[in-house]
Amino acid sequence: MGVKELAIGISIAKLLSEEKKKKEEKRELVPVIINRSNFYESNVVLVNESGEGVLKEASIITDSSDLIIRLVVDGNTIVRKFSELSNMTTAVEYFMVEETAEGYYAVHFTEIVFRSNLTIEVTGPENMKVIGMHVYYLINRKKKS
C-alpha cells in the first residue's frame, strides 16, 4: 500500500469515527413552557426556536382582531391577517382562530412538527393588550451528562 492509499484510508477512518460519535451522541426531547398574561405589546413572539422538535400547543388571546400572524416552519413562511385565518379555521387542523364569548380574539396552534426552525409571531396595533399567552413545545437537545 502506497502513501497516497494510506492517507485516504486514514481520512476515511476519521470520517467514519466522527459519524459514529454523532450517532452515539445522546439526545432528548426537552419540554419548554411559556406563560404570560396581562401585558401590552404590539409585537409578540410566541416561539422562535432553531432545531428539531414539535409544538404541542401555542395560544394567544388579545383585545384586538387587527392581528397579523406570521408562522415560519423549516424556512416556509405564512403571513395572514386574523380575518383571513378565521375563514380557513375549519379546513386546517393545526390552527384555530376565534372570537371568545368575552369579546377577545384568540389564535391557537397545535401539533406542528419542525426539523430546523419554528417561529410564531403576532403583530397588532400599538397598545394591544395580551390577555394571555401559553406556549408548550418539545425541542431535541443534547442530553446533559
Foldseek 3Di string as FASTA:
>chain_A
DDPVVVVVVVVVVVVVVVVVVVVPFAKDWDKDKDKDFWDWDQKDKQDKDFAWWWWAKKKWKWLDQQKWKWKAAQRDIDIDRSVVVQVCQVVDDFWHWDQDPVRIIMIMGHTDTHGTIIIIMMGGDGRITTGMIMTMIIGMDGDDD
